[in-house]
PDB file of N, CA and C in Angstrom:
ATOM      1  N   MET A   1      -4.845  11.157 -14.608  1.00  0.00           N
ATOM      2  CA  MET A   1      -5.186  10.120 -13.654  1.00  0.00           C
ATOM      3  C   MET A   1      -5.691  10.784 -12.375  1.00  0.00           C
ATOM      4  N   GLU A   2      -6.775  10.268 -11.872  1.00  0.00           N
ATOM      5  CA  GLU A   2      -7.381  10.785 -10.649  1.00  0.00           C
ATOM      6  C   GLU A   2      -7.095   9.814  -9.502  1.00  0.00           C
ATOM      7  N   THR A   3      -6.775  10.378  -8.332  1.00  0.00           N
ATOM      8  CA  THR A   3      -6.534   9.582  -7.129  1.00  0.00           C
ATOM      9  C   THR A   3      -7.719   9.735  -6.191  1.00  0.00           C
ATOM     10  N   ILE A   4      -8.270   8.613  -5.748  1.00  0.00           N
ATOM     11  CA  ILE A   4      -9.426   8.619  -4.855  1.00  0.00           C
ATOM     12  C   ILE A   4      -9.084   7.805  -3.614  1.00  0.00           C
ATOM     13  N   TRP A   5      -9.278   8.423  -2.455  1.00  0.00           N
ATOM     14  CA  TRP A   5      -9.092   7.732  -1.174  1.00  0.00           C
ATOM     15  C   TRP A   5     -10.453   7.460  -0.563  1.00  0.00           C
ATOM     16  N   ASN A   6     -10.721   6.205  -0.246  1.00  0.00           N
ATOM     17  CA  ASN A   6     -11.901   5.821   0.519  1.00  0.00           C
ATOM     18  C   ASN A   6     -11.430   5.349   1.882  1.00  0.00           C
ATOM     19  N   GLU A   7     -12.357   4.935   2.718  1.00  0.00           N
ATOM     20  CA  GLU A   7     -11.997   4.517   4.075  1.00  0.00           C
ATOM     21  C   GLU A   7     -10.964   3.394   4.091  1.00  0.00           C
ATOM     22  N   ASN A   8     -11.085   2.442   3.160  1.00  0.00           N
ATOM     23  CA  ASN A   8     -10.189   1.290   3.162  1.00  0.00           C
ATOM     24  C   ASN A   8      -9.571   0.987   1.806  1.00  0.00           C
ATOM     25  N   GLU A   9      -9.468   1.998   0.942  1.00  0.00           N
ATOM     26  CA  GLU A   9      -8.824   1.734  -0.336  1.00  0.00           C
ATOM     27  C   GLU A   9      -8.328   3.011  -0.999  1.00  0.00           C
ATOM     28  N   LEU A  10      -7.342   2.805  -1.839  1.00  0.00           N
ATOM     29  CA  LEU A  10      -6.778   3.846  -2.688  1.00  0.00           C
ATOM     30  C   LEU A  10      -7.070   3.420  -4.118  1.00  0.00           C
ATOM     31  N   ILE A  11      -7.662   4.314  -4.894  1.00  0.00           N
ATOM     32  CA  ILE A  11      -8.058   3.995  -6.263  1.00  0.00           C
ATOM     33  C   ILE A  11      -7.438   5.017  -7.207  1.00  0.00           C
ATOM     34  N   TYR A  12      -6.922   4.523  -8.327  1.00  0.00           N
ATOM     35  CA  TYR A  12      -6.528   5.393  -9.430  1.00  0.00           C
ATOM     36  C   TYR A  12      -7.547   5.179 -10.538  1.00  0.00           C
ATOM     37  N   GLN A  13      -8.040   6.297 -11.084  1.00  0.00           N
ATOM     38  CA  GLN A  13      -8.984   6.237 -12.192  1.00  0.00           C
ATOM     39  C   GLN A  13      -8.449   7.048 -13.356  1.00  0.00           C
ATOM     40  N   ASP A  14      -8.800   6.594 -14.546  1.00  0.00           N
ATOM     41  CA  ASP A  14      -8.484   7.323 -15.762  1.00  0.00           C
ATOM     42  C   ASP A  14      -9.751   7.317 -16.607  1.00  0.00           C
ATOM     43  N   SER A  15     -10.241   8.483 -16.959  1.00  0.00           N
ATOM     44  CA  SER A  15     -11.503   8.609 -17.709  1.00  0.00           C
ATOM     45  C   SER A  15     -12.631   7.860 -17.012  1.00  0.00           C
ATOM     46  N   ASP A  16     -12.729   8.044 -15.693  1.00  0.00           N
ATOM     47  CA  ASP A  16     -13.774   7.436 -14.858  1.00  0.00           C
ATOM     48  C   ASP A  16     -13.737   5.906 -14.816  1.00  0.00           C
ATOM     49  N   LYS A  17     -12.623   5.309 -15.222  1.00  0.00           N
ATOM     50  CA  LYS A  17     -12.474   3.856 -15.134  1.00  0.00           C
ATOM     51  C   LYS A  17     -11.329   3.541 -14.185  1.00  0.00           C
ATOM     52  N   MET A  18     -11.565   2.567 -13.299  1.00  0.00           N
ATOM     53  CA  MET A  18     -10.523   2.183 -12.355  1.00  0.00           C
ATOM     54  C   MET A  18      -9.376   1.515 -13.108  1.00  0.00           C
ATOM     55  N   ILE A  19      -8.149   1.989 -12.824  1.00  0.00           N
ATOM     56  CA  ILE A  19      -6.972   1.390 -13.442  1.00  0.00           C
ATOM     57  C   ILE A  19      -6.041   0.772 -12.404  1.00  0.00           C
ATOM     58  N   ALA A  20      -6.266   1.084 -11.125  1.00  0.00           N
ATOM     59  CA  ALA A  20      -5.445   0.501 -10.057  1.00  0.00           C
ATOM     60  C   ALA A  20      -6.170   0.652  -8.725  1.00  0.00           C
ATOM     61  N   ASN A  21      -5.872  -0.285  -7.815  1.00  0.00           N
ATOM     62  CA  ASN A  21      -6.556  -0.292  -6.523  1.00  0.00           C
ATOM     63  C   ASN A  21      -5.663  -0.936  -5.475  1.00  0.00           C
ATOM     64  N   LEU A  22      -5.624  -0.326  -4.300  1.00  0.00           N
ATOM     65  CA  LEU A  22      -4.935  -0.897  -3.142  1.00  0.00           C
ATOM     66  C   LEU A  22      -5.939  -0.910  -1.997  1.00  0.00           C
ATOM     67  N   GLY A  23      -6.228  -2.094  -1.484  1.00  0.00           N
ATOM     68  CA  GLY A  23      -7.159  -2.224  -0.364  1.00  0.00           C
ATOM     69  C   GLY A  23      -6.393  -2.447   0.923  1.00  0.00           C
ATOM     70  N   PHE A  24      -6.847  -1.805   1.989  1.00  0.00           N
ATOM     71  CA  PHE A  24      -6.140  -1.913   3.262  1.00  0.00           C
ATOM     72  C   PHE A  24      -7.124  -1.883   4.416  1.00  0.00           C
ATOM     73  N   ARG A  25      -6.649  -2.298   5.564  1.00  0.00           N
ATOM     74  CA  ARG A  25      -7.429  -2.222   6.799  1.00  0.00           C
ATOM     75  C   ARG A  25      -6.564  -1.543   7.852  1.00  0.00           C
ATOM     76  N   HIS A  26      -7.163  -0.617   8.579  1.00  0.00           N
ATOM     77  CA  HIS A  26      -6.472   0.106   9.649  1.00  0.00           C
ATOM     78  C   HIS A  26      -6.979  -0.415  10.979  1.00  0.00           C
ATOM     79  N   PHE A  27      -6.057  -0.746  11.857  1.00  0.00           N
ATOM     80  CA  PHE A  27      -6.419  -1.214  13.195  1.00  0.00           C
ATOM     81  C   PHE A  27      -6.222  -0.065  14.172  1.00  0.00           C
ATOM     82  N   SER A  28      -7.276   0.729  14.307  1.00  0.00           N
ATOM     83  CA  SER A  28      -7.263   1.925  15.143  1.00  0.00           C
ATOM     84  C   SER A  28      -7.362   1.523  16.610  1.00  0.00           C
ATOM     85  N   PRO A  29      -6.787   2.240  17.512  1.00  0.00           N
ATOM     86  CA  PRO A  29      -6.118   3.530  17.404  1.00  0.00           C
ATOM     87  C   PRO A  29      -4.634   3.411  17.075  1.00  0.00           C
ATOM     88  N   SER A  30      -4.156   2.213  16.786  1.00  0.00           N
ATOM     89  CA  SER A  30      -2.731   2.041  16.493  1.00  0.00           C
ATOM     90  C   SER A  30      -2.412   2.583  15.100  1.00  0.00           C
ATOM     91  N   SER A  31      -1.155   2.494  14.736  1.00  0.00           N
ATOM     92  CA  SER A  31      -0.721   2.878  13.394  1.00  0.00           C
ATOM     93  C   SER A  31      -0.455   1.635  12.554  1.00  0.00           C
ATOM     94  N   LEU A  32      -1.179   0.558  12.851  1.00  0.00           N
ATOM     95  CA  LEU A  32      -1.022  -0.699  12.122  1.00  0.00           C
ATOM     96  C   LEU A  32      -1.997  -0.740  10.948  1.00  0.00           C
ATOM     97  N   TYR A  33      -1.453  -0.994   9.764  1.00  0.00           N
ATOM     98  CA  TYR A  33      -2.242  -1.124   8.545  1.00  0.00           C
ATOM     99  C   TYR A  33      -1.897  -2.449   7.883  1.00  0.00           C
ATOM    100  N   VAL A  34      -2.906  -3.116   7.344  1.00  0.00           N
ATOM    101  CA  VAL A  34      -2.703  -4.351   6.594  1.00  0.00           C
ATOM    102  C   VAL A  34      -3.056  -4.067   5.141  1.00  0.00           C
ATOM    103  N   ILE A  35      -2.108  -4.318   4.233  1.00  0.00           N
ATOM    104  CA  ILE A  35      -2.394  -4.197   2.805  1.00  0.00           C
ATOM    105  C   ILE A  35      -3.007  -5.528   2.378  1.00  0.00           C
ATOM    106  N   GLU A  36      -4.293  -5.485   2.032  1.00  0.00           N
ATOM    107  CA  GLU A  36      -5.039  -6.706   1.730  1.00  0.00           C
ATOM    108  C   GLU A  36      -5.026  -7.077   0.250  1.00  0.00           C
ATOM    109  N   ARG A  37      -4.909  -6.084  -0.608  1.00  0.00           N
ATOM    110  CA  ARG A  37      -4.904  -6.382  -2.043  1.00  0.00           C
ATOM    111  C   ARG A  37      -4.260  -5.236  -2.816  1.00  0.00           C
ATOM    112  N   VAL A  38      -3.698  -5.595  -3.950  1.00  0.00           N
ATOM    113  CA  VAL A  38      -3.153  -4.630  -4.900  1.00  0.00           C
ATOM    114  C   VAL A  38      -3.562  -5.130  -6.282  1.00  0.00           C
ATOM    115  N   TRP A  39      -4.170  -4.252  -7.069  1.00  0.00           N
ATOM    116  CA  TRP A  39      -4.602  -4.632  -8.409  1.00  0.00           C
ATOM    117  C   TRP A  39      -4.292  -3.483  -9.355  1.00  0.00           C
ATOM    118  N   VAL A  40      -3.776  -3.818 -10.537  1.00  0.00           N
ATOM    119  CA  VAL A  40      -3.606  -2.828 -11.596  1.00  0.00           C
ATOM    120  C   VAL A  40      -4.120  -3.429 -12.895  1.00  0.00           C
ATOM    121  N   LYS A  41      -4.723  -2.581 -13.718  1.00  0.00           N
ATOM    122  CA  LYS A  41      -5.308  -3.067 -14.968  1.00  0.00           C
ATOM    123  C   LYS A  41      -4.226  -3.442 -15.972  1.00  0.00           C
ATOM    124  N   ASP A  42      -3.343  -2.513 -16.287  1.00  0.00           N
ATOM    125  CA  ASP A  42      -2.338  -2.769 -17.317  1.00  0.00           C
ATOM    126  C   ASP A  42      -0.931  -2.392 -16.874  1.00  0.00           C
ATOM    127  N   ASP A  43      -0.765  -1.167 -16.456  1.00  0.00           N
ATOM    128  CA  ASP A  43       0.562  -0.617 -16.169  1.00  0.00           C
ATOM    129  C   ASP A  43       1.080  -1.132 -14.828  1.00  0.00           C
ATOM    130  N   GLN A  44       1.939  -2.142 -14.871  1.00  0.00           N
ATOM    131  CA  GLN A  44       2.435  -2.774 -13.651  1.00  0.00           C
ATOM    132  C   GLN A  44       3.254  -1.817 -12.783  1.00  0.00           C
ATOM    133  N   SER A  45       3.796  -0.761 -13.369  1.00  0.00           N
ATOM    134  CA  SER A  45       4.562   0.206 -12.571  1.00  0.00           C
ATOM    135  C   SER A  45       3.658   0.949 -11.586  1.00  0.00           C
ATOM    136  N   LEU A  46       2.356   0.916 -11.812  1.00  0.00           N
ATOM    137  CA  LEU A  46       1.431   1.563 -10.879  1.00  0.00           C
ATOM    138  C   LEU A  46       1.408   0.867  -9.523  1.00  0.00           C
ATOM    139  N   LYS A  47       1.804  -0.409  -9.468  1.00  0.00           N
ATOM    140  CA  LYS A  47       1.871  -1.106  -8.177  1.00  0.00           C
ATOM    141  C   LYS A  47       2.822  -0.380  -7.237  1.00  0.00           C
ATOM    142  N   ILE A  48       3.971  -0.005  -7.759  1.00  0.00           N
ATOM    143  CA  ILE A  48       4.970   0.703  -6.949  1.00  0.00           C
ATOM    144  C   ILE A  48       4.408   2.038  -6.501  1.00  0.00           C
ATOM    145  N   LYS A  49       3.787   2.768  -7.431  1.00  0.00           N
ATOM    146  CA  LYS A  49       3.225   4.078  -7.095  1.00  0.00           C
ATOM    147  C   LYS A  49       2.121   3.951  -6.044  1.00  0.00           C
ATOM    148  N   LEU A  50       1.261   2.940  -6.163  1.00  0.00           N
ATOM    149  CA  LEU A  50       0.196   2.725  -5.178  1.00  0.00           C
ATOM    150  C   LEU A  50       0.771   2.592  -3.771  1.00  0.00           C
ATOM    151  N   ILE A  51       1.757   1.725  -3.628  1.00  0.00           N
ATOM    152  CA  ILE A  51       2.310   1.468  -2.295  1.00  0.00           C
ATOM    153  C   ILE A  51       3.071   2.682  -1.787  1.00  0.00           C
ATOM    154  N   GLN A  52       3.801   3.365  -2.659  1.00  0.00           N
ATOM    155  CA  GLN A  52       4.505   4.582  -2.239  1.00  0.00           C
ATOM    156  C   GLN A  52       3.516   5.661  -1.806  1.00  0.00           C
ATOM    157  N   ASP A  53       2.432   5.838  -2.547  1.00  0.00           N
ATOM    158  CA  ASP A  53       1.414   6.829  -2.168  1.00  0.00           C
ATOM    159  C   ASP A  53       0.750   6.456  -0.845  1.00  0.00           C
ATOM    160  N   PHE A  54       0.504   5.166  -0.653  1.00  0.00           N
ATOM    161  CA  PHE A  54      -0.074   4.688   0.601  1.00  0.00           C
ATOM    162  C   PHE A  54       0.844   5.031   1.771  1.00  0.00           C
ATOM    163  N   ILE A  55       2.130   4.748   1.632  1.00  0.00           N
ATOM    164  CA  ILE A  55       3.095   5.045   2.701  1.00  0.00           C
ATOM    165  C   ILE A  55       3.143   6.545   2.968  1.00  0.00           C
ATOM    166  N   GLN A  56       3.179   7.351   1.919  1.00  0.00           N
ATOM    167  CA  GLN A  56       3.224   8.813   2.095  1.00  0.00           C
ATOM    168  C   GLN A  56       2.004   9.325   2.851  1.00  0.00           C
ATOM    169  N   ARG A  57       0.848   8.774   2.538  1.00  0.00           N
ATOM    170  CA  ARG A  57      -0.404   9.235   3.155  1.00  0.00           C
ATOM    171  C   ARG A  57      -0.431   8.961   4.661  1.00  0.00           C
ATOM    172  N   PHE A  58       0.064   7.795   5.054  1.00  0.00           N
ATOM    173  CA  PHE A  58      -0.052   7.385   6.449  1.00  0.00           C
ATOM    174  C   PHE A  58       1.282   7.400   7.183  1.00  0.00           C
ATOM    175  N   LYS A  59       2.269   7.980   6.552  1.00  0.00           N
ATOM    176  CA  LYS A  59       3.609   8.000   7.133  1.00  0.00           C
ATOM    177  C   LYS A  59       3.582   8.649   8.512  1.00  0.00           C
ATOM    178  N   ALA A  60       4.143   7.938   9.454  1.00  0.00           N
ATOM    179  CA  ALA A  60       4.277   8.424  10.828  1.00  0.00           C
ATOM    180  C   ALA A  60       5.445   7.679  11.440  1.00  0.00           C
ATOM    181  N   ALA A  61       5.954   8.206  12.506  1.00  0.00           N
ATOM    182  CA  ALA A  61       7.110   7.580  13.148  1.00  0.00           C
ATOM    183  C   ALA A  61       6.823   6.136  13.537  1.00  0.00           C
ATOM    184  N   ASP A  62       5.560   5.850  13.867  1.00  0.00           N
ATOM    185  CA  ASP A  62       5.234   4.501  14.324  1.00  0.00           C
ATOM    186  C   ASP A  62       4.373   3.713  13.327  1.00  0.00           C
ATOM    187  N   LEU A  63       4.354   4.133  12.044  1.00  0.00           N
ATOM    188  CA  LEU A  63       3.601   3.404  11.030  1.00  0.00           C
ATOM    189  C   LEU A  63       4.107   1.970  10.941  1.00  0.00           C
ATOM    190  N   GLN A  64       3.178   1.020  10.959  1.00  0.00           N
ATOM    191  CA  GLN A  64       3.511  -0.389  10.806  1.00  0.00           C
ATOM    192  C   GLN A  64       2.592  -0.993   9.751  1.00  0.00           C
ATOM    193  N   ILE A  65       3.193  -1.677   8.791  1.00  0.00           N
ATOM    194  CA  ILE A  65       2.443  -2.259   7.682  1.00  0.00           C
ATOM    195  C   ILE A  65       2.642  -3.770   7.678  1.00  0.00           C
ATOM    196  N   ILE A  66       1.546  -4.489   7.475  1.00  0.00           N
ATOM    197  CA  ILE A  66       1.612  -5.928   7.226  1.00  0.00           C
ATOM    198  C   ILE A  66       1.154  -6.131   5.780  1.00  0.00           C
ATOM    199  N   PRO A  67       2.054  -6.538   4.888  1.00  0.00           N
ATOM    200  CA  PRO A  67       1.691  -6.725   3.483  1.00  0.00           C
ATOM    201  C   PRO A  67       1.170  -8.146   3.229  1.00  0.00           C
ATOM    202  N   LEU A  68      -0.138  -8.357   3.341  1.00  0.00           N
ATOM    203  CA  LEU A  68      -0.712  -9.687   3.116  1.00  0.00           C
ATOM    204  C   LEU A  68      -0.677 -10.097   1.652  1.00  0.00           C
ATOM    205  N   TRP A  69      -0.910  -9.142   0.776  1.00  0.00           N
ATOM    206  CA  TRP A  69      -0.972  -9.435  -0.647  1.00  0.00           C
ATOM    207  C   TRP A  69       0.432  -9.723  -1.166  1.00  0.00           C
ATOM    208  N   PRO A  70       0.629 -10.808  -1.924  1.00  0.00           N
ATOM    209  CA  PRO A  70       1.975 -11.172  -2.395  1.00  0.00           C
ATOM    210  C   PRO A  70       2.702 -10.053  -3.136  1.00  0.00           C
ATOM    211  N   GLU A  71       1.979  -9.262  -3.925  1.00  0.00           N
ATOM    212  CA  GLU A  71       2.632  -8.188  -4.667  1.00  0.00           C
ATOM    213  C   GLU A  71       3.098  -7.068  -3.743  1.00  0.00           C
ATOM    214  N   ALA A  72       2.389  -6.862  -2.647  1.00  0.00           N
ATOM    215  CA  ALA A  72       2.840  -5.870  -1.667  1.00  0.00           C
ATOM    216  C   ALA A  72       4.089  -6.377  -0.964  1.00  0.00           C
ATOM    217  N   LEU A  73       4.109  -7.655  -0.634  1.00  0.00           N
ATOM    218  CA  LEU A  73       5.293  -8.255  -0.018  1.00  0.00           C
ATOM    219  C   LEU A  73       6.484  -8.172  -0.964  1.00  0.00           C
ATOM    220  N   GLU A  74       6.244  -8.420  -2.238  1.00  0.00           N
ATOM    221  CA  GLU A  74       7.297  -8.320  -3.252  1.00  0.00           C
ATOM    222  C   GLU A  74       7.862  -6.896  -3.309  1.00  0.00           C
ATOM    223  N   PHE A  75       6.991  -5.901  -3.198  1.00  0.00           N
ATOM    224  CA  PHE A  75       7.446  -4.509  -3.193  1.00  0.00           C
ATOM    225  C   PHE A  75       8.478  -4.290  -2.089  1.00  0.00           C
ATOM    226  N   PHE A  76       8.163  -4.738  -0.878  1.00  0.00           N
ATOM    227  CA  PHE A  76       9.080  -4.533   0.245  1.00  0.00           C
ATOM    228  C   PHE A  76      10.366  -5.338   0.069  1.00  0.00           C
ATOM    229  N   ASN A  77      10.287  -6.490  -0.578  1.00  0.00           N
ATOM    230  CA  ASN A  77      11.500  -7.266  -0.850  1.00  0.00           C
ATOM    231  C   ASN A  77      12.418  -6.543  -1.824  1.00  0.00           C
ATOM    232  N   HIS A  78      11.839  -5.794  -2.759  1.00  0.00           N
ATOM    233  CA  HIS A  78      12.628  -5.082  -3.766  1.00  0.00           C
ATOM    234  C   HIS A  78      12.957  -3.641  -3.383  1.00  0.00           C
ATOM    235  N   HIS A  79      12.336  -3.135  -2.343  1.00  0.00           N
ATOM    236  CA  HIS A  79      12.558  -1.746  -1.914  1.00  0.00           C
ATOM    237  C   HIS A  79      12.842  -1.709  -0.413  1.00  0.00           C
ATOM    238  N   PRO A  80      14.024  -2.169  -0.013  1.00  0.00           N
ATOM    239  CA  PRO A  80      14.351  -2.240   1.418  1.00  0.00           C
ATOM    240  C   PRO A  80      14.359  -0.880   2.111  1.00  0.00           C
ATOM    241  N   GLU A  81      14.410   0.193   1.352  1.00  0.00           N
ATOM    242  CA  GLU A  81      14.384   1.525   1.962  1.00  0.00           C
ATOM    243  C   GLU A  81      13.061   1.795   2.687  1.00  0.00           C
ATOM    244  N   PHE A  82      12.036   0.998   2.393  1.00  0.00           N
ATOM    245  CA  PHE A  82      10.739   1.154   3.055  1.00  0.00           C
ATOM    246  C   PHE A  82      10.515   0.130   4.168  1.00  0.00           C
ATOM    247  N   ASN A  83      11.473  -0.745   4.403  1.00  0.00           N
ATOM    248  CA  ASN A  83      11.292  -1.818   5.388  1.00  0.00           C
ATOM    249  C   ASN A  83      11.083  -1.312   6.808  1.00  0.00           C
ATOM    250  N   SER A  84      11.483  -0.098   7.097  1.00  0.00           N
ATOM    251  CA  SER A  84      11.261   0.434   8.447  1.00  0.00           C
ATOM    252  C   SER A  84       9.767   0.595   8.748  1.00  0.00           C
ATOM    253  N   TYR A  85       8.925   0.568   7.710  1.00  0.00           N
ATOM    254  CA  TYR A  85       7.479   0.688   7.903  1.00  0.00           C
ATOM    255  C   TYR A  85       6.795  -0.663   8.110  1.00  0.00           C
ATOM    256  N   LEU A  86       7.542  -1.753   7.956  1.00  0.00           N
ATOM    257  CA  LEU A  86       6.956  -3.070   8.181  1.00  0.00           C
ATOM    258  C   LEU A  86       6.703  -3.281   9.661  1.00  0.00           C
ATOM    259  N   ALA A  87       5.631  -3.996   9.975  1.00  0.00           N
ATOM    260  CA  ALA A  87       5.368  -4.349  11.372  1.00  0.00           C
ATOM    261  C   ALA A  87       6.589  -5.088  11.905  1.00  0.00           C
ATOM    262  N   LYS A  88       6.941  -4.835  13.124  1.00  0.00           N
ATOM    263  CA  LYS A  88       8.214  -5.304  13.673  1.00  0.00           C
ATOM    264  C   LYS A  88       8.504  -6.792  13.476  1.00  0.00           C
ATOM    265  N   PRO A  89       7.543  -7.713  13.672  1.00  0.00           N
ATOM    266  CA  PRO A  89       7.887  -9.120  13.427  1.00  0.00           C
ATOM    267  C   PRO A  89       8.237  -9.397  11.966  1.00  0.00           C
ATOM    268  N   LEU A  90       7.786  -8.524  11.045  1.00  0.00           N
ATOM    269  CA  LEU A  90       8.041  -8.712   9.619  1.00  0.00           C
ATOM    270  C   LEU A  90       9.233  -7.911   9.134  1.00  0.00           C
ATOM    271  N   HIS A  91       9.858  -7.189  10.012  1.00  0.00           N
ATOM    272  CA  HIS A  91      10.919  -6.262   9.626  1.00  0.00           C
ATOM    273  C   HIS A  91      12.004  -6.932   8.791  1.00  0.00           C
ATOM    274  N   LYS A  92      12.222  -8.226   8.984  1.00  0.00           N
ATOM    275  CA  LYS A  92      13.249  -8.939   8.215  1.00  0.00           C
ATOM    276  C   LYS A  92      12.605 -10.042   7.395  1.00  0.00           C
ATOM    277  N   ILE A  93      11.903  -9.658   6.336  1.00  0.00           N
ATOM    278  CA  ILE A  93      11.247 -10.653   5.489  1.00  0.00           C
ATOM    279  C   ILE A  93      12.116 -11.003   4.307  1.00  0.00           C
TER     280      ILE A  93
END
């Protein structure tokens, strides 16, 4: 599996075919990121890996994430260990 980072998305490819995608928007110069979409072709466990890789890439003391996509919100509901990265008004979702 190949990992590709573009300006506003994280893509996983296998044999040159996209198998997962996470789209985001960064509000510079802040550390605020909005997860706009999460898509996986078959392996639903890749959703977790996508979001974990996204957090690792942009991890900073002041990282703030707004999970607009329902599956991203579901991730944070099931993985409270990452809730410190939620934008402060969303910290208790």
